[in-house]
C-alpha atoms as a PDB file:
ATOM      1  CA  MET A   1     -11.137  -0.917  14.986  1.00  0.00           C
ATOM      2  CA  ILE A   2      -9.726   1.100  12.008  1.00  0.00           C
ATOM      3  CA  ASP A   3     -12.368   3.574  10.613  1.00  0.00           C
ATOM      4  CA  THR A   4     -10.508   5.002   7.538  1.00  0.00           C
ATOM      5  CA  ALA A   5      -8.316   3.514   4.871  1.00  0.00           C
ATOM      6  CA  ILE A   6      -6.382   5.229   2.197  1.00  0.00           C
ATOM      7  CA  ILE A   7      -5.961   3.395  -1.091  1.00  0.00           C
ATOM      8  CA  LEU A   8      -2.970   4.310  -3.319  1.00  0.00           C
ATOM      9  CA  ALA A   9      -4.122   4.135  -6.946  1.00  0.00           C
ATOM     10  CA  ALA A  10      -2.067   6.868  -8.655  1.00  0.00           C
ATOM     11  CA  GLY A  11       0.759   5.025 -10.276  1.00  0.00           C
ATOM     12  CA  GLU A  12       0.843   3.619 -13.950  1.00  0.00           C
ATOM     13  CA  GLY A  13       1.504   0.088 -13.109  1.00  0.00           C
ATOM     14  CA  VAL A  14       3.791  -0.211 -16.093  1.00  0.00           C
ATOM     15  CA  ARG A  15       5.256  -3.651 -15.316  1.00  0.00           C
ATOM     16  CA  ALA A  16       1.591  -4.882 -15.996  1.00  0.00           C
ATOM     17  CA  TRP A  17       1.836  -3.742 -19.481  1.00  0.00           C
ATOM     18  CA  PRO A  18       0.121  -4.800 -22.003  1.00  0.00           C
ATOM     19  CA  TYR A  19      -2.779  -5.287 -19.760  1.00  0.00           C
ATOM     20  CA  THR A  20      -2.611  -1.825 -18.521  1.00  0.00           C
ATOM     21  CA  GLY A  21      -2.739  -0.242 -22.045  1.00  0.00           C
ATOM     22  CA  ILE A  22      -6.473   0.424 -21.807  1.00  0.00           C
ATOM     23  CA  ARG A  23      -7.148   0.301 -17.885  1.00  0.00           C
ATOM     24  CA  ARG A  24      -5.365   0.901 -14.613  1.00  0.00           C
ATOM     25  CA  LYS A  25      -3.592  -1.930 -12.985  1.00  0.00           C
ATOM     26  CA  ALA A  26      -5.878  -1.853 -10.064  1.00  0.00           C
ATOM     27  CA  THR A  27      -8.892  -1.903 -12.333  1.00  0.00           C
ATOM     28  CA  VAL A  28      -7.969  -5.355 -13.739  1.00  0.00           C
ATOM     29  CA  PRO A  29     -10.562  -7.916 -12.859  1.00  0.00           C
ATOM     30  CA  VAL A  30      -9.918 -10.866 -10.652  1.00  0.00           C
ATOM     31  CA  LEU A  31     -12.706 -13.513 -10.714  1.00  0.00           C
ATOM     32  CA  ASN A  32     -14.875 -10.706 -12.654  1.00  0.00           C
ATOM     33  CA  THR A  33     -14.183  -8.124  -9.722  1.00  0.00           C
ATOM     34  CA  PRO A  34     -11.784  -5.249 -10.288  1.00  0.00           C
ATOM     35  CA  VAL A  35      -8.813  -5.476  -7.787  1.00  0.00           C
ATOM     36  CA  ILE A  36      -9.492  -2.101  -6.150  1.00  0.00           C
ATOM     37  CA  ARG A  37     -13.151  -2.756  -5.752  1.00  0.00           C
ATOM     38  CA  ARG A  38     -12.424  -6.316  -3.992  1.00  0.00           C
ATOM     39  CA  LEU A  39      -9.791  -4.545  -1.838  1.00  0.00           C
ATOM     40  CA  ALA A  40     -12.483  -1.820  -0.716  1.00  0.00           C
ATOM     41  CA  LEU A  41     -15.419  -4.390  -0.402  1.00  0.00           C
ATOM     42  CA  ASP A  42     -12.889  -6.648   1.828  1.00  0.00           C
ATOM     43  CA  LEU A  43     -11.964  -3.562   4.034  1.00  0.00           C
ATOM     44  CA  ALA A  44     -15.502  -2.442   4.567  1.00  0.00           C
ATOM     45  CA  ALA A  45     -16.347  -5.876   5.657  1.00  0.00           C
ATOM     46  CA  VAL A  46     -13.650  -5.846   8.410  1.00  0.00           C
ATOM     47  CA  GLY A  47     -14.884  -2.447   9.780  1.00  0.00           C
ATOM     48  CA  VAL A  48     -13.578   0.329   7.524  1.00  0.00           C
ATOM     49  CA  ARG A  49     -16.308   3.032   6.954  1.00  0.00           C
ATOM     50  CA  HIS A  50     -14.460   5.744   4.981  1.00  0.00           C
ATOM     51  CA  PHE A  51     -11.950   5.641   2.090  1.00  0.00           C
ATOM     52  CA  VAL A  52      -9.658   8.213   0.599  1.00  0.00           C
ATOM     53  CA  VAL A  53      -8.439   7.130  -2.759  1.00  0.00           C
ATOM     54  CA  VAL A  54      -5.484   8.547  -4.263  1.00  0.00           C
ATOM     55  CA  ILE A  55      -5.765   8.912  -8.080  1.00  0.00           C
ATOM     56  CA  GLY A  56      -3.630   9.951 -10.986  1.00  0.00           C
ATOM     57  CA  TYR A  57      -2.947   8.322 -14.334  1.00  0.00           C
ATOM     58  CA  ARG A  58      -6.233   7.113 -15.731  1.00  0.00           C
ATOM     59  CA  GLY A  59      -8.094   8.087 -12.534  1.00  0.00           C
ATOM     60  CA  GLU A  60     -11.393   7.985 -14.316  1.00  0.00           C
ATOM     61  CA  SER A  61     -11.230   3.979 -14.498  1.00  0.00           C
ATOM     62  CA  VAL A  62     -10.682   3.785 -10.612  1.00  0.00           C
ATOM     63  CA  ARG A  63     -13.590   6.178  -9.944  1.00  0.00           C
ATOM     64  CA  ALA A  64     -15.737   3.885 -12.130  1.00  0.00           C
ATOM     65  CA  CYS A  65     -14.993   1.082 -10.092  1.00  0.00           C
ATOM     66  CA  LEU A  66     -15.933   2.636  -6.736  1.00  0.00           C
ATOM     67  CA  HIS A  67     -18.946   4.722  -8.193  1.00  0.00           C
ATOM     68  CA  ASP A  68     -21.482   3.156  -5.912  1.00  0.00           C
ATOM     69  CA  PHE A  69     -19.461   3.226  -2.716  1.00  0.00           C
ATOM     70  CA  GLN A  70     -20.497   5.549   0.132  1.00  0.00           C
ATOM     71  CA  ASN A  71     -17.988   7.610   2.171  1.00  0.00           C
ATOM     72  CA  VAL A  72     -15.229   7.813  -0.609  1.00  0.00           C
ATOM     73  CA  ARG A  73     -13.131  10.896  -1.278  1.00  0.00           C
ATOM     74  CA  PHE A  74     -10.775  10.945  -4.328  1.00  0.00           C
ATOM     75  CA  VAL A  75      -7.651  12.901  -4.021  1.00  0.00           C
ATOM     76  CA  GLU A  76      -5.560  13.525  -7.130  1.00  0.00           C
ATOM     77  CA  GLN A  77      -1.781  13.089  -6.994  1.00  0.00           C
ATOM     78  CA  ARG A  78      -0.784  15.897  -9.554  1.00  0.00           C
ATOM     79  CA  GLU A  79       2.878  14.838  -9.995  1.00  0.00           C
ATOM     80  CA  ARG A  80       4.007  11.248 -10.382  1.00  0.00           C
ATOM     81  CA  LYS A  81       6.320  11.192  -7.322  1.00  0.00           C
ATOM     82  CA  GLY A  82       5.553   7.792  -6.138  1.00  0.00           C
ATOM     83  CA  PRO A  83       3.723   6.000  -3.303  1.00  0.00           C
ATOM     84  CA  VAL A  84       5.177   8.060  -0.488  1.00  0.00           C
ATOM     85  CA  ASP A  85       4.056  11.368  -1.876  1.00  0.00           C
ATOM     86  CA  ALA A  86       0.777   9.802  -2.916  1.00  0.00           C
ATOM     87  CA  ALA A  87       0.269   8.582   0.718  1.00  0.00           C
ATOM     88  CA  LEU A  88       1.031  11.939   2.299  1.00  0.00           C
ATOM     89  CA  ALA A  89      -1.957  13.427  -0.134  1.00  0.00           C
ATOM     90  CA  GLY A  90      -4.232  10.837   1.082  1.00  0.00           C
ATOM     91  CA  LEU A  91      -3.159  11.648   4.713  1.00  0.00           C
ATOM     92  CA  ALA A  92      -3.515  15.380   4.487  1.00  0.00           C
ATOM     93  CA  ASP A  93      -7.140  15.486   5.843  1.00  0.00           C
ATOM     94  CA  VAL A  94      -7.224  12.075   7.911  1.00  0.00           C
ATOM     95  CA  THR A  95      -7.757  12.937  11.467  1.00  0.00           C
ATOM     96  CA  ASP A  96      -8.273   9.394  12.963  1.00  0.00           C
ATOM     97  CA  ASP A  97      -5.656   8.232  15.460  1.00  0.00           C
ATOM     98  CA  ALA A  98      -4.864   5.039  13.331  1.00  0.00           C
ATOM     99  CA  VAL A  99      -5.349   4.433   9.640  1.00  0.00           C
ATOM    100  CA  VAL A 100      -4.767   1.742   6.864  1.00  0.00           C
ATOM    101  CA  VAL A 101      -2.697   2.437   3.774  1.00  0.00           C
ATOM    102  CA  ALA A 102      -3.057  -0.012   1.085  1.00  0.00           C
ATOM    103  CA  TYR A 103      -1.618  -0.235  -2.305  1.00  0.00           C
ATOM    104  CA  ALA A 104      -4.661  -0.525  -4.870  1.00  0.00           C
ATOM    105  CA  ASP A 105      -3.079  -3.432  -6.856  1.00  0.00           C
ATOM    106  CA  ILE A 106      -2.835  -5.951  -3.989  1.00  0.00           C
ATOM    107  CA  VAL A 107      -5.024  -9.159  -3.980  1.00  0.00           C
ATOM    108  CA  THR A 108      -5.211 -10.727  -0.480  1.00  0.00           C
ATOM    109  CA  SER A 109      -7.992 -12.363   1.565  1.00  0.00           C
ATOM    110  CA  ARG A 110     -10.546 -10.593   3.752  1.00  0.00           C
ATOM    111  CA  GLU A 111      -9.256 -12.792   6.534  1.00  0.00           C
ATOM    112  CA  THR A 112      -5.756 -11.431   6.069  1.00  0.00           C
ATOM    113  CA  LEU A 113      -6.905  -7.974   6.349  1.00  0.00           C
ATOM    114  CA  ARG A 114      -9.025  -8.415   9.358  1.00  0.00           C
ATOM    115  CA  ASP A 115      -5.786 -10.284  10.980  1.00  0.00           C
ATOM    116  CA  VAL A 116      -3.487  -7.233  10.273  1.00  0.00           C
ATOM    117  CA  ILE A 117      -5.957  -4.803  11.709  1.00  0.00           C
ATOM    118  CA  GLU A 118      -6.639  -7.067  14.811  1.00  0.00           C
ATOM    119  CA  VAL A 119      -2.755  -7.683  15.444  1.00  0.00           C
ATOM    120  CA  PHE A 120      -1.993  -4.105  15.160  1.00  0.00           C
ATOM    121  CA  SER A 121      -4.681  -3.222  17.830  1.00  0.00           C
ATOM    122  CA  ALA A 122      -3.575  -6.308  20.038  1.00  0.00           C
ATOM    123  CA  ARG A 123       0.224  -5.306  20.064  1.00  0.00           C
ATOM    124  CA  ARG A 124      -0.469  -1.690  20.366  1.00  0.00           C
ATOM    125  CA  ALA A 125       2.294  -1.325  17.741  1.00  0.00           C
ATOM    126  CA  SER A 126       3.125   2.079  16.120  1.00  0.00           C
ATOM    127  CA  ALA A 127       2.832   0.454  12.826  1.00  0.00           C
ATOM    128  CA  LEU A 128       2.436  -2.919  11.244  1.00  0.00           C
ATOM    129  CA  LEU A 129       3.325  -4.243   7.922  1.00  0.00           C
ATOM    130  CA  LEU A 130       1.747  -7.153   6.025  1.00  0.00           C
ATOM    131  CA  THR A 131       4.442  -9.353   4.770  1.00  0.00           C
ATOM    132  CA  ALA A 132       4.256 -12.431   2.124  1.00  0.00           C
ATOM    133  CA  ASP A 133       6.947 -15.103   1.212  1.00  0.00           C
ATOM    134  CA  CYS A 134       8.917 -13.645  -1.836  1.00  0.00           C
ATOM    135  CA  PRO A 135       8.597 -16.345  -4.787  1.00  0.00           C
ATOM    136  CA  GLU A 136      11.819 -17.273  -6.435  1.00  0.00           C
ATOM    137  CA  GLY A 137      12.686 -15.131  -9.255  1.00  0.00           C
ATOM    138  CA  LEU A 138      10.974 -12.037  -8.103  1.00  0.00           C
ATOM    139  CA  THR A 139      13.647 -10.502  -5.684  1.00  0.00           C
ATOM    140  CA  ALA A 140      14.837  -7.989  -8.188  1.00  0.00           C
ATOM    141  CA  SER A 141      11.238  -6.202  -7.837  1.00  0.00           C
ATOM    142  CA  CYS A 142      10.524  -7.045  -4.118  1.00  0.00           C
ATOM    143  CA  THR A 143      10.796  -4.730  -1.056  1.00  0.00           C
ATOM    144  CA  SER A 144      12.276  -7.177   1.522  1.00  0.00           C
ATOM    145  CA  VAL A 145      11.308  -7.075   5.228  1.00  0.00           C
ATOM    146  CA  ASP A 146      13.817  -8.539   7.779  1.00  0.00           C
ATOM    147  CA  VAL A 147      11.391  -9.800  10.507  1.00  0.00           C
ATOM    148  CA  ALA A 148      12.624 -11.028  13.947  1.00  0.00           C
ATOM    149  CA  PRO A 149      11.191 -14.287  15.513  1.00  0.00           C
ATOM    150  CA  ASP A 150       8.873 -12.194  17.649  1.00  0.00           C
ATOM    151  CA  GLY A 151       7.429 -10.303  14.560  1.00  0.00           C
ATOM    152  CA  VAL A 152       9.363  -7.010  15.008  1.00  0.00           C
ATOM    153  CA  VAL A 153      10.530  -5.514  11.819  1.00  0.00           C
ATOM    154  CA  ARG A 154      14.379  -5.052  11.992  1.00  0.00           C
ATOM    155  CA  GLY A 155      15.206  -3.872   8.488  1.00  0.00           C
ATOM    156  CA  ILE A 156      13.612  -3.005   5.177  1.00  0.00           C
ATOM    157  CA  TRP A 157      15.530  -2.570   1.748  1.00  0.00           C
ATOM    158  CA  PRO A 158      14.582  -2.784  -1.963  1.00  0.00           C
ATOM    159  CA  ARG A 159      15.604  -5.665  -4.156  1.00  0.00           C
ATOM    160  CA  GLY A 160      16.153  -8.205  -1.134  1.00  0.00           C
ATOM    161  CA  GLY A 161      16.799 -11.829  -1.171  1.00  0.00           C
ATOM    162  CA  ALA A 162      14.111 -14.988  -1.205  1.00  0.00           C
ATOM    163  CA  LYS A 163      15.171 -15.584   2.326  1.00  0.00           C
ATOM    164  CA  HIS A 164      13.261 -12.839   3.628  1.00  0.00           C
ATOM    165  CA  PRO A 165       9.545 -11.957   3.237  1.00  0.00           C
ATOM    166  CA  ARG A 166       8.530  -9.175   0.874  1.00  0.00           C
ATOM    167  CA  PHE A 167       6.367  -6.062   1.640  1.00  0.00           C
ATOM    168  CA  GLY A 168       2.652  -7.033   1.132  1.00  0.00           C
ATOM    169  CA  GLY A 169       1.318  -3.542   0.196  1.00  0.00           C
ATOM    170  CA  VAL A 170      -0.629  -2.959   3.509  1.00  0.00           C
ATOM    171  CA  VAL A 171       0.532  -0.756   6.365  1.00  0.00           C
ATOM    172  CA  VAL A 172      -1.736  -0.098   9.480  1.00  0.00           C
ATOM    173  CA  ALA A 173      -0.271   2.816  11.489  1.00  0.00           C
ATOM    174  CA  ASN A 174      -0.629   5.427  14.024  1.00  0.00           C
ATOM    175  CA  THR A 175      -1.492   8.391  11.731  1.00  0.00           C
ATOM    176  CA  GLU A 176       0.614  11.127  13.111  1.00  0.00           C
ATOM    177  CA  MET A 177       3.677   8.723  13.372  1.00  0.00           C
ATOM    178  CA  LEU A 178       3.181   7.708   9.776  1.00  0.00           C
ATOM    179  CA  LYS A 179       2.929  11.351   8.488  1.00  0.00           C
ATOM    180  CA  SER A 180       5.877  12.269  10.390  1.00  0.00           C
ATOM    181  CA  SER A 181       7.865   9.332   8.934  1.00  0.00           C
ATOM    182  CA  LEU A 182       6.740   9.867   5.646  1.00  0.00           C
ATOM    183  CA  LEU A 183       7.694  13.698   5.542  1.00  0.00           C
ATOM    184  CA  ARG A 184      11.333  12.616   6.627  1.00  0.00           C
ATOM    185  CA  HIS A 185      11.527  10.251   3.707  1.00  0.00           C
ATOM    186  CA  PRO A 186      13.549  11.923   0.898  1.00  0.00           C
ATOM    187  CA  GLY A 187      12.293   9.619  -1.805  1.00  0.00           C
ATOM    188  CA  ILE A 188      15.699   7.694  -2.087  1.00  0.00           C
ATOM    189  CA  ARG A 189      16.101   4.132  -0.535  1.00  0.00           C
ATOM    190  CA  THR A 190      19.699   4.064   0.596  1.00  0.00           C
ATOM    191  CA  ASN A 191      19.982   0.358   1.934  1.00  0.00           C
ATOM    192  CA  VAL A 192      20.916  -1.385  -1.358  1.00  0.00           C
ATOM    193  CA  HIS A 193      23.494  -3.837  -2.467  1.00  0.00           C
ATOM    194  CA  VAL A 194      26.987  -2.634  -3.459  1.00  0.00           C
ATOM    195  CA  GLY A 195      27.031  -1.779  -7.086  1.00  0.00           C
ATOM    196  CA  SER A 196      23.286  -0.834  -7.207  1.00  0.00           C
ATOM    197  CA  MET A 197      22.029   2.670  -7.571  1.00  0.00           C
ATOM    198  CA  PRO A 198      19.280   3.617  -5.004  1.00  0.00           C
ATOM    199  CA  PRO A 199      15.996   3.925  -6.364  1.00  0.00           C
ATOM    200  CA  THR A 200      14.630   7.538  -6.270  1.00  0.00           C
ATOM    201  CA  GLU A 201      11.036   6.586  -5.514  1.00  0.00           C
ATOM    202  CA  GLY A 202      10.534   5.322  -1.945  1.00  0.00           C
ATOM    203  CA  ASP A 203       8.191   2.692  -0.810  1.00  0.00           C
ATOM    204  CA  VAL A 204       5.668   3.420   2.084  1.00  0.00           C
ATOM    205  CA  ALA A 205       7.380   0.313   3.900  1.00  0.00           C
ATOM    206  CA  ASP A 206      10.353   2.065   4.271  1.00  0.00           C
END
């Protein structure tokens, strides 16, 4: 069972404007419950006991959503350097062998989160990514994951095609391996189509 989760809630969520004009994207309610609170409740229900929440822009609204949670530590990302830097900030004090890292603005089911954690443990993987089918028309903003029939990830790239699933915003990984991988990440995603400039903000999935 995974004991600790890092929730990344430091970004501005500019693509959700104007809904983010007065609140963080992760605090927008879905069925009257803020997205980040729903995520934390679901993670707690599947066994996670400790939370590290990385905040930045409008961090006070994130704190308010989780004000009554026990065992929550807030870490501030002082510079807006993207999710890789945010994940490293959250990982700095994590000593568990394995950890969940989740983007704060994802909406998924409790059963899905349970399955991700259980499959990670059953397969004894170094890391496991949650993926989802990529809806038509959203390929420009998706991180695509090339998955073999046996579930092994063969490649990851930004702005892929609808034929490949997209990264679903949740990673379960060996903590030291994840730290090492993120420290090697230069913040540039080089596997892009010809004629496209590589984004300078890396995704945790990379």
